[in-house]
Amino acid sequence: MTTEQSPFFAHKYGNWNNWPVAGNPANNPYTQAKFIANGQLPEHFSEVLTFYRSEDDGGDKLTEDCTYLMSIDRPTARRWSITLTGNAGGAPQVLTQNDVISMGEKVTVLLSNSPQPGNWLRMSNADDPRVVFRLYDGDTITAQGTGSGALGLPSLTRVSCS
């Protein structure tokens, strides 16, 4: 997964990282190679905006021993997804706009090692947990402005640890 390991050309929005020019054909080949080496196609910002994080809002590294609350106002993007990666030997956990249970315009997701009520992403055996937030239909999103407030990026708060 291309994340904090490569700070070059990354934009930071709080604890979220983004590489908005990675999929631009005119971009430098090193940034593109970083994505390809991790089995990803570098996405163009007009198609999808992808944000990565491996820390909670307090700046502490995510760990499977803790439960976290992710909260966001319902994104205006046509499609969006939240993915939890880093599960050893397991597939990434994914929620999309079609999967979530929400109360009005607020979406909350619990990330935890044990089952949780409502929206839940399992952190079992997560040796290096990372959250990936994708907004599809990037042109619409970038037209609204940049910055974590304008983009409406999720908060990620530590609730408890075992």
N, C-alpha and C. Protein backbone atom coordinates (compact mmCIF):
# COMPACT_ATOMS: atom_id res chain seq x y z
N MET A 1 0.85 -1.17 0.00
CA MET A 1 0.00 0.00 0.00
C MET A 1 0.89 1.23 0.00
N THR A 2 0.63 2.15 -0.87
CA THR A 2 1.39 3.38 -0.91
C THR A 2 0.83 4.31 0.16
N THR A 3 1.61 4.58 1.18
CA THR A 3 1.14 5.41 2.28
C THR A 3 2.26 6.31 2.76
N GLU A 4 2.39 6.45 4.06
CA GLU A 4 3.37 7.37 4.63
C GLU A 4 4.81 7.02 4.27
N GLN A 5 5.05 5.84 3.73
CA GLN A 5 6.42 5.44 3.41
C GLN A 5 7.05 6.36 2.36
N SER A 6 6.28 7.08 1.61
CA SER A 6 6.82 7.94 0.57
C SER A 6 6.22 9.33 0.69
N PRO A 7 6.85 10.23 1.45
CA PRO A 7 6.28 11.55 1.66
C PRO A 7 6.42 12.49 0.46
N PHE A 8 7.24 12.12 -0.52
CA PHE A 8 7.47 13.00 -1.65
C PHE A 8 6.20 13.18 -2.45
N PHE A 9 5.88 14.42 -2.75
CA PHE A 9 4.74 14.80 -3.57
C PHE A 9 3.41 14.51 -2.89
N ALA A 10 3.44 14.15 -1.61
CA ALA A 10 2.20 13.89 -0.87
C ALA A 10 1.64 15.20 -0.33
N HIS A 11 0.33 15.28 -0.28
CA HIS A 11 -0.35 16.38 0.38
C HIS A 11 -0.89 15.85 1.68
N LYS A 12 -0.74 16.62 2.76
CA LYS A 12 -1.27 16.21 4.07
C LYS A 12 -2.50 17.04 4.40
N TYR A 13 -3.53 16.35 4.87
CA TYR A 13 -4.75 16.98 5.34
C TYR A 13 -5.00 16.42 6.74
N GLY A 14 -4.47 17.08 7.75
CA GLY A 14 -4.52 16.52 9.10
C GLY A 14 -3.68 15.26 9.12
N ASN A 15 -4.25 14.15 9.55
CA ASN A 15 -3.54 12.87 9.56
C ASN A 15 -3.78 12.06 8.29
N TRP A 16 -4.43 12.64 7.31
CA TRP A 16 -4.67 11.97 6.02
C TRP A 16 -3.61 12.40 5.02
N ASN A 17 -3.14 11.46 4.19
CA ASN A 17 -2.18 11.73 3.12
C ASN A 17 -2.84 11.44 1.78
N ASN A 18 -2.43 12.20 0.76
CA ASN A 18 -3.00 12.06 -0.57
C ASN A 18 -1.91 12.36 -1.59
N TRP A 19 -1.91 11.62 -2.70
CA TRP A 19 -0.99 11.86 -3.81
C TRP A 19 -1.82 12.24 -5.03
N PRO A 20 -2.25 13.51 -5.15
CA PRO A 20 -3.21 13.89 -6.18
C PRO A 20 -2.68 13.84 -7.61
N VAL A 21 -1.38 13.89 -7.81
CA VAL A 21 -0.86 13.91 -9.18
C VAL A 21 -0.24 12.58 -9.59
N ALA A 22 -0.40 11.55 -8.77
CA ALA A 22 0.25 10.26 -9.06
C ALA A 22 -0.18 9.69 -10.41
N GLY A 23 -1.44 9.86 -10.79
CA GLY A 23 -1.93 9.29 -12.04
C GLY A 23 -1.80 10.19 -13.24
N ASN A 24 -1.21 11.36 -13.08
CA ASN A 24 -1.02 12.27 -14.20
C ASN A 24 0.10 11.72 -15.09
N PRO A 25 -0.16 11.52 -16.39
CA PRO A 25 0.87 10.98 -17.28
C PRO A 25 2.16 11.80 -17.30
N ALA A 26 2.06 13.10 -16.99
CA ALA A 26 3.25 13.96 -17.00
C ALA A 26 4.00 13.90 -15.68
N ASN A 27 3.49 13.15 -14.72
CA ASN A 27 4.12 13.07 -13.41
C ASN A 27 5.45 12.34 -13.49
N ASN A 28 6.30 12.54 -12.48
CA ASN A 28 7.60 11.88 -12.50
C ASN A 28 7.42 10.36 -12.36
N PRO A 29 8.28 9.59 -12.99
CA PRO A 29 8.13 8.13 -13.00
C PRO A 29 8.35 7.49 -11.63
N TYR A 30 9.04 8.16 -10.72
CA TYR A 30 9.30 7.58 -9.41
C TYR A 30 8.03 7.48 -8.57
N THR A 31 7.20 8.51 -8.63
CA THR A 31 5.94 8.46 -7.89
C THR A 31 5.05 7.37 -8.46
N GLN A 32 4.96 7.30 -9.79
CA GLN A 32 4.14 6.25 -10.42
C GLN A 32 4.69 4.87 -10.07
N ALA A 33 6.00 4.71 -10.08
CA ALA A 33 6.61 3.41 -9.78
C ALA A 33 6.31 2.97 -8.35
N LYS A 34 6.23 3.92 -7.42
CA LYS A 34 5.93 3.59 -6.03
C LYS A 34 4.55 2.93 -5.92
N PHE A 35 3.59 3.44 -6.67
CA PHE A 35 2.26 2.84 -6.68
C PHE A 35 2.28 1.46 -7.34
N ILE A 36 2.89 1.38 -8.50
CA ILE A 36 2.92 0.13 -9.27
C ILE A 36 3.64 -0.97 -8.49
N ALA A 37 4.72 -0.63 -7.79
CA ALA A 37 5.46 -1.62 -7.00
C ALA A 37 4.60 -2.22 -5.89
N ASN A 38 3.57 -1.49 -5.47
CA ASN A 38 2.66 -1.97 -4.43
C ASN A 38 1.38 -2.56 -5.01
N GLY A 39 1.38 -2.83 -6.33
CA GLY A 39 0.23 -3.46 -6.95
C GLY A 39 -0.95 -2.55 -7.18
N GLN A 40 -0.72 -1.25 -7.27
CA GLN A 40 -1.79 -0.29 -7.47
C GLN A 40 -1.56 0.49 -8.76
N LEU A 41 -2.65 0.85 -9.41
CA LEU A 41 -2.55 1.80 -10.51
C LEU A 41 -2.65 3.19 -9.90
N PRO A 42 -1.74 4.09 -10.27
CA PRO A 42 -1.87 5.46 -9.75
C PRO A 42 -3.11 6.11 -10.35
N GLU A 43 -3.98 6.61 -9.50
CA GLU A 43 -5.26 7.15 -9.95
C GLU A 43 -5.13 8.64 -10.27
N HIS A 44 -5.86 9.07 -11.27
CA HIS A 44 -5.90 10.49 -11.61
C HIS A 44 -6.96 11.16 -10.74
N PHE A 45 -6.66 12.36 -10.23
CA PHE A 45 -7.56 13.02 -9.29
C PHE A 45 -8.92 13.34 -9.89
N SER A 46 -9.06 13.36 -11.23
CA SER A 46 -10.36 13.64 -11.81
C SER A 46 -11.30 12.43 -11.70
N GLU A 47 -10.74 11.26 -11.42
CA GLU A 47 -11.54 10.05 -11.31
C GLU A 47 -11.82 9.66 -9.86
N VAL A 48 -10.80 9.74 -9.04
CA VAL A 48 -10.94 9.33 -7.64
C VAL A 48 -9.89 10.05 -6.80
N LEU A 49 -10.30 10.46 -5.61
CA LEU A 49 -9.37 11.02 -4.64
C LEU A 49 -9.19 9.98 -3.54
N THR A 50 -7.96 9.58 -3.29
CA THR A 50 -7.66 8.55 -2.30
C THR A 50 -6.83 9.14 -1.18
N PHE A 51 -7.26 8.88 0.05
CA PHE A 51 -6.58 9.39 1.24
C PHE A 51 -6.20 8.20 2.13
N TYR A 52 -5.02 8.27 2.73
CA TYR A 52 -4.48 7.19 3.55
C TYR A 52 -4.14 7.72 4.94
N ARG A 53 -4.28 6.86 5.94
CA ARG A 53 -3.81 7.22 7.28
C ARG A 53 -3.53 5.96 8.08
N SER A 54 -2.58 6.07 9.01
CA SER A 54 -2.25 4.96 9.91
C SER A 54 -2.17 5.45 11.36
N GLU A 55 -2.73 6.64 11.61
CA GLU A 55 -2.75 7.22 12.96
C GLU A 55 -4.16 7.70 13.28
N ASP A 56 -4.49 7.72 14.57
CA ASP A 56 -5.77 8.29 14.98
C ASP A 56 -5.64 9.81 15.06
N ASP A 57 -6.72 10.48 15.43
CA ASP A 57 -6.69 11.95 15.49
C ASP A 57 -5.71 12.48 16.52
N GLY A 58 -5.36 11.67 17.52
CA GLY A 58 -4.37 12.07 18.53
C GLY A 58 -2.94 11.89 18.07
N GLY A 59 -2.75 11.33 16.86
CA GLY A 59 -1.40 11.11 16.33
C GLY A 59 -0.79 9.78 16.73
N ASP A 60 -1.56 8.93 17.42
CA ASP A 60 -1.06 7.61 17.81
C ASP A 60 -1.28 6.60 16.70
N LYS A 61 -0.31 5.72 16.52
CA LYS A 61 -0.39 4.68 15.49
C LYS A 61 -1.57 3.76 15.77
N LEU A 62 -2.31 3.40 14.72
CA LEU A 62 -3.44 2.48 14.86
C LEU A 62 -2.93 1.11 15.28
N THR A 63 -3.69 0.46 16.16
CA THR A 63 -3.34 -0.87 16.64
C THR A 63 -4.60 -1.72 16.76
N GLU A 64 -4.46 -3.01 16.53
CA GLU A 64 -5.61 -3.91 16.62
C GLU A 64 -6.11 -4.07 18.05
N ASP A 65 -5.34 -3.63 19.03
CA ASP A 65 -5.74 -3.74 20.43
C ASP A 65 -6.73 -2.67 20.85
N CYS A 66 -7.03 -1.73 19.95
CA CYS A 66 -7.92 -0.62 20.28
C CYS A 66 -9.15 -0.63 19.39
N THR A 67 -10.18 0.07 19.86
CA THR A 67 -11.40 0.31 19.09
C THR A 67 -11.41 1.78 18.73
N TYR A 68 -11.76 2.08 17.48
CA TYR A 68 -11.75 3.46 16.98
C TYR A 68 -13.12 3.80 16.41
N LEU A 69 -13.49 5.07 16.52
CA LEU A 69 -14.72 5.58 15.93
C LEU A 69 -14.37 6.51 14.79
N MET A 70 -14.79 6.14 13.60
CA MET A 70 -14.62 7.00 12.43
C MET A 70 -15.97 7.69 12.20
N SER A 71 -15.93 9.00 12.01
CA SER A 71 -17.15 9.78 11.85
C SER A 71 -16.98 10.76 10.71
N ILE A 72 -18.04 10.88 9.90
CA ILE A 72 -17.99 11.78 8.75
C ILE A 72 -19.40 12.21 8.37
N ASP A 73 -19.54 13.45 7.91
CA ASP A 73 -20.79 13.85 7.29
C ASP A 73 -20.88 13.10 5.96
N ARG A 74 -22.07 12.67 5.59
CA ARG A 74 -22.22 11.88 4.36
C ARG A 74 -21.54 12.61 3.20
N PRO A 75 -20.57 11.94 2.55
CA PRO A 75 -19.84 12.58 1.44
C PRO A 75 -20.77 12.94 0.28
N THR A 76 -20.43 14.03 -0.41
CA THR A 76 -21.23 14.46 -1.56
C THR A 76 -20.81 13.75 -2.85
N ALA A 77 -19.71 13.02 -2.81
CA ALA A 77 -19.26 12.28 -3.99
C ALA A 77 -20.31 11.26 -4.40
N ARG A 78 -20.38 11.01 -5.68
CA ARG A 78 -21.33 10.03 -6.22
C ARG A 78 -21.14 8.67 -5.59
N ARG A 79 -19.87 8.27 -5.41
CA ARG A 79 -19.53 7.00 -4.78
C ARG A 79 -18.36 7.23 -3.83
N TRP A 80 -18.28 6.44 -2.78
CA TRP A 80 -17.17 6.54 -1.84
C TRP A 80 -16.99 5.20 -1.14
N SER A 81 -15.79 5.01 -0.57
CA SER A 81 -15.52 3.78 0.16
C SER A 81 -14.53 4.04 1.29
N ILE A 82 -14.62 3.19 2.32
CA ILE A 82 -13.69 3.18 3.43
C ILE A 82 -13.12 1.77 3.50
N THR A 83 -11.79 1.66 3.47
CA THR A 83 -11.14 0.35 3.47
C THR A 83 -10.16 0.29 4.63
N LEU A 84 -10.13 -0.86 5.30
CA LEU A 84 -9.15 -1.12 6.34
C LEU A 84 -8.21 -2.19 5.81
N THR A 85 -6.93 -1.86 5.70
CA THR A 85 -5.93 -2.80 5.19
C THR A 85 -4.97 -3.16 6.32
N GLY A 86 -4.10 -4.12 6.03
CA GLY A 86 -3.08 -4.50 7.01
C GLY A 86 -3.44 -5.74 7.79
N ASN A 87 -4.57 -6.38 7.47
CA ASN A 87 -4.93 -7.63 8.14
C ASN A 87 -4.04 -8.74 7.63
N ALA A 88 -3.22 -9.28 8.50
CA ALA A 88 -2.26 -10.33 8.12
C ALA A 88 -3.01 -11.54 7.56
N GLY A 89 -2.69 -11.89 6.32
CA GLY A 89 -3.28 -13.07 5.70
C GLY A 89 -4.74 -12.92 5.34
N GLY A 90 -5.30 -11.76 5.49
CA GLY A 90 -6.71 -11.57 5.20
C GLY A 90 -6.95 -10.48 4.18
N ALA A 91 -8.12 -10.51 3.61
CA ALA A 91 -8.50 -9.50 2.63
C ALA A 91 -8.81 -8.19 3.34
N PRO A 92 -8.66 -7.08 2.64
CA PRO A 92 -9.04 -5.80 3.23
C PRO A 92 -10.53 -5.79 3.57
N GLN A 93 -10.89 -5.05 4.60
CA GLN A 93 -12.28 -4.86 4.99
C GLN A 93 -12.77 -3.59 4.30
N VAL A 94 -13.94 -3.64 3.64
CA VAL A 94 -14.42 -2.50 2.85
C VAL A 94 -15.88 -2.19 3.18
N LEU A 95 -16.18 -0.90 3.30
CA LEU A 95 -17.55 -0.40 3.35
C LEU A 95 -17.71 0.62 2.24
N THR A 96 -18.84 0.60 1.55
CA THR A 96 -19.12 1.60 0.53
C THR A 96 -20.39 2.37 0.91
N GLN A 97 -20.71 3.35 0.10
CA GLN A 97 -21.91 4.14 0.36
C GLN A 97 -23.16 3.28 0.36
N ASN A 98 -23.13 2.13 -0.31
CA ASN A 98 -24.29 1.24 -0.35
C ASN A 98 -24.39 0.33 0.87
N ASP A 99 -23.30 0.18 1.61
CA ASP A 99 -23.24 -0.76 2.73
C ASP A 99 -23.57 -0.15 4.08
N VAL A 100 -23.38 1.14 4.22
CA VAL A 100 -23.44 1.74 5.56
C VAL A 100 -24.86 1.95 6.05
N ILE A 101 -24.99 1.84 7.35
CA ILE A 101 -26.22 2.19 8.04
C ILE A 101 -25.95 3.58 8.61
N SER A 102 -26.79 4.55 8.27
CA SER A 102 -26.54 5.90 8.78
C SER A 102 -27.80 6.50 9.35
N MET A 103 -27.59 7.42 10.25
CA MET A 103 -28.67 8.17 10.85
C MET A 103 -28.61 9.56 10.26
N GLY A 104 -29.40 9.82 9.23
CA GLY A 104 -29.39 11.12 8.60
C GLY A 104 -28.14 11.35 7.79
N GLU A 105 -27.52 12.49 7.99
CA GLU A 105 -26.36 12.88 7.19
C GLU A 105 -25.03 12.49 7.82
N LYS A 106 -25.04 11.85 8.97
CA LYS A 106 -23.81 11.46 9.66
C LYS A 106 -23.58 9.97 9.49
N VAL A 107 -22.34 9.60 9.13
CA VAL A 107 -21.95 8.20 9.00
C VAL A 107 -20.89 7.91 10.06
N THR A 108 -21.09 6.85 10.84
CA THR A 108 -20.09 6.43 11.81
C THR A 108 -19.73 4.97 11.55
N VAL A 109 -18.46 4.65 11.74
CA VAL A 109 -17.96 3.30 11.55
C VAL A 109 -17.04 2.97 12.72
N LEU A 110 -17.22 1.80 13.31
CA LEU A 110 -16.32 1.35 14.38
C LEU A 110 -15.30 0.40 13.79
N LEU A 111 -14.02 0.63 14.11
CA LEU A 111 -12.93 -0.25 13.72
C LEU A 111 -12.50 -0.97 14.98
N SER A 112 -12.63 -2.30 14.98
CA SER A 112 -12.39 -3.04 16.21
C SER A 112 -12.05 -4.49 15.92
N ASN A 113 -11.38 -5.12 16.87
CA ASN A 113 -11.04 -6.53 16.79
C ASN A 113 -12.25 -7.41 17.08
N SER A 114 -13.23 -6.88 17.83
CA SER A 114 -14.43 -7.64 18.17
C SER A 114 -15.65 -7.04 17.49
N PRO A 115 -16.68 -7.85 17.23
CA PRO A 115 -17.89 -7.36 16.55
C PRO A 115 -18.50 -6.16 17.29
N GLN A 116 -18.99 -5.21 16.51
CA GLN A 116 -19.59 -3.99 17.04
C GLN A 116 -20.95 -3.78 16.38
N PRO A 117 -21.87 -3.11 17.07
CA PRO A 117 -23.17 -2.81 16.45
C PRO A 117 -23.01 -1.74 15.36
N GLY A 118 -23.88 -1.78 14.38
CA GLY A 118 -23.84 -0.79 13.32
C GLY A 118 -22.76 -1.08 12.30
N ASN A 119 -22.13 -0.05 11.79
CA ASN A 119 -21.07 -0.19 10.79
C ASN A 119 -19.77 -0.59 11.48
N TRP A 120 -19.17 -1.69 11.02
CA TRP A 120 -17.99 -2.24 11.69
C TRP A 120 -16.99 -2.74 10.66
N LEU A 121 -15.72 -2.36 10.84
CA LEU A 121 -14.61 -2.92 10.07
C LEU A 121 -13.73 -3.69 11.04
N ARG A 122 -13.47 -4.94 10.72
CA ARG A 122 -12.73 -5.84 11.60
C ARG A 122 -11.23 -5.60 11.51
N MET A 123 -10.57 -5.44 12.66
CA MET A 123 -9.13 -5.20 12.72
C MET A 123 -8.35 -6.44 13.13
N SER A 124 -8.94 -7.61 13.06
CA SER A 124 -8.31 -8.84 13.51
C SER A 124 -7.00 -9.11 12.79
N ASN A 125 -5.96 -9.43 13.56
CA ASN A 125 -4.63 -9.74 13.04
C ASN A 125 -4.05 -8.61 12.20
N ALA A 126 -4.42 -7.40 12.49
CA ALA A 126 -3.92 -6.25 11.74
C ALA A 126 -2.56 -5.85 12.28
N ASP A 127 -1.50 -6.30 11.61
CA ASP A 127 -0.16 -5.98 12.10
C ASP A 127 0.27 -4.57 11.71
N ASP A 128 -0.34 -4.01 10.69
CA ASP A 128 -0.02 -2.65 10.26
C ASP A 128 -1.29 -2.01 9.71
N PRO A 129 -2.29 -1.74 10.58
CA PRO A 129 -3.58 -1.25 10.08
C PRO A 129 -3.48 0.14 9.46
N ARG A 130 -4.17 0.27 8.33
CA ARG A 130 -4.26 1.55 7.63
C ARG A 130 -5.68 1.73 7.12
N VAL A 131 -6.13 2.96 7.15
CA VAL A 131 -7.45 3.29 6.65
C VAL A 131 -7.28 4.02 5.33
N VAL A 132 -8.07 3.60 4.34
CA VAL A 132 -8.06 4.22 3.02
C VAL A 132 -9.47 4.76 2.77
N PHE A 133 -9.56 6.05 2.46
CA PHE A 133 -10.85 6.69 2.18
C PHE A 133 -10.82 7.17 0.74
N ARG A 134 -11.77 6.70 -0.07
CA ARG A 134 -11.80 7.07 -1.49
C ARG A 134 -13.09 7.81 -1.82
N LEU A 135 -12.93 8.88 -2.58
CA LEU A 135 -14.06 9.64 -3.11
C LEU A 135 -14.00 9.50 -4.63
N TYR A 136 -15.01 8.86 -5.20
CA TYR A 136 -15.06 8.68 -6.65
C TYR A 136 -15.79 9.87 -7.26
N ASP A 137 -15.46 10.22 -8.48
CA ASP A 137 -15.97 11.42 -9.14
C ASP A 137 -15.19 12.62 -8.63
N GLY A 138 -13.87 12.53 -8.77
CA GLY A 138 -12.95 13.52 -8.25
C GLY A 138 -13.17 14.94 -8.75
N ASP A 139 -13.62 15.11 -10.01
CA ASP A 139 -13.84 16.46 -10.54
C ASP A 139 -14.84 17.22 -9.68
N THR A 140 -15.91 16.56 -9.28
CA THR A 140 -16.91 17.19 -8.44
C THR A 140 -16.32 17.60 -7.10
N ILE A 141 -15.51 16.72 -6.54
CA ILE A 141 -14.92 16.98 -5.23
C ILE A 141 -13.91 18.11 -5.29
N THR A 142 -13.00 18.08 -6.27
CA THR A 142 -11.97 19.12 -6.35
C THR A 142 -12.59 20.47 -6.67
N ALA A 143 -13.73 20.50 -7.34
CA ALA A 143 -14.39 21.77 -7.63
C ALA A 143 -14.90 22.42 -6.35
N GLN A 144 -15.11 21.63 -5.31
CA GLN A 144 -15.60 22.16 -4.04
C GLN A 144 -14.49 22.78 -3.21
N GLY A 145 -13.25 22.58 -3.60
CA GLY A 145 -12.13 23.14 -2.86
C GLY A 145 -11.31 22.06 -2.21
N THR A 146 -10.18 22.47 -1.65
CA THR A 146 -9.29 21.52 -1.00
C THR A 146 -9.15 21.86 0.47
N GLY A 147 -8.43 21.05 1.17
CA GLY A 147 -8.30 21.20 2.61
C GLY A 147 -9.23 20.22 3.29
N SER A 148 -8.86 19.73 4.46
CA SER A 148 -9.65 18.69 5.11
C SER A 148 -11.06 19.15 5.43
N GLY A 149 -11.25 20.42 5.74
CA GLY A 149 -12.59 20.91 6.03
C GLY A 149 -13.46 20.92 4.80
N ALA A 150 -12.93 21.43 3.68
CA ALA A 150 -13.69 21.48 2.43
C ALA A 150 -13.97 20.09 1.90
N LEU A 151 -13.02 19.17 2.06
CA LEU A 151 -13.20 17.81 1.57
C LEU A 151 -14.06 16.98 2.50
N GLY A 152 -14.21 17.38 3.72
CA GLY A 152 -15.02 16.63 4.67
C GLY A 152 -14.43 15.27 5.00
N LEU A 153 -13.13 15.23 5.30
CA LEU A 153 -12.48 13.96 5.62
C LEU A 153 -12.92 13.46 6.99
N PRO A 154 -12.98 12.13 7.16
CA PRO A 154 -13.45 11.56 8.42
C PRO A 154 -12.50 11.81 9.58
N SER A 155 -13.08 11.93 10.77
CA SER A 155 -12.28 11.93 11.99
C SER A 155 -12.10 10.47 12.40
N LEU A 156 -11.06 10.19 13.17
CA LEU A 156 -10.78 8.83 13.63
C LEU A 156 -10.31 8.91 15.08
N THR A 157 -11.21 8.62 16.00
CA THR A 157 -10.96 8.79 17.43
C THR A 157 -10.81 7.45 18.13
N ARG A 158 -9.80 7.35 18.98
CA ARG A 158 -9.62 6.13 19.79
C ARG A 158 -10.70 6.11 20.88
N VAL A 159 -11.44 5.00 20.96
CA VAL A 159 -12.51 4.85 21.94
C VAL A 159 -12.01 4.11 23.18
N SER A 160 -11.33 2.98 22.97
CA SER A 160 -10.83 2.18 24.09
C SER A 160 -9.74 1.25 23.60
N CYS A 161 -8.96 0.71 24.54
CA CYS A 161 -7.92 -0.26 24.22
C CYS A 161 -7.98 -1.39 25.23
N SER A 162 -7.61 -2.59 24.79
CA SER A 162 -7.64 -3.74 25.70
C SER A 162 -6.28 -3.97 26.33
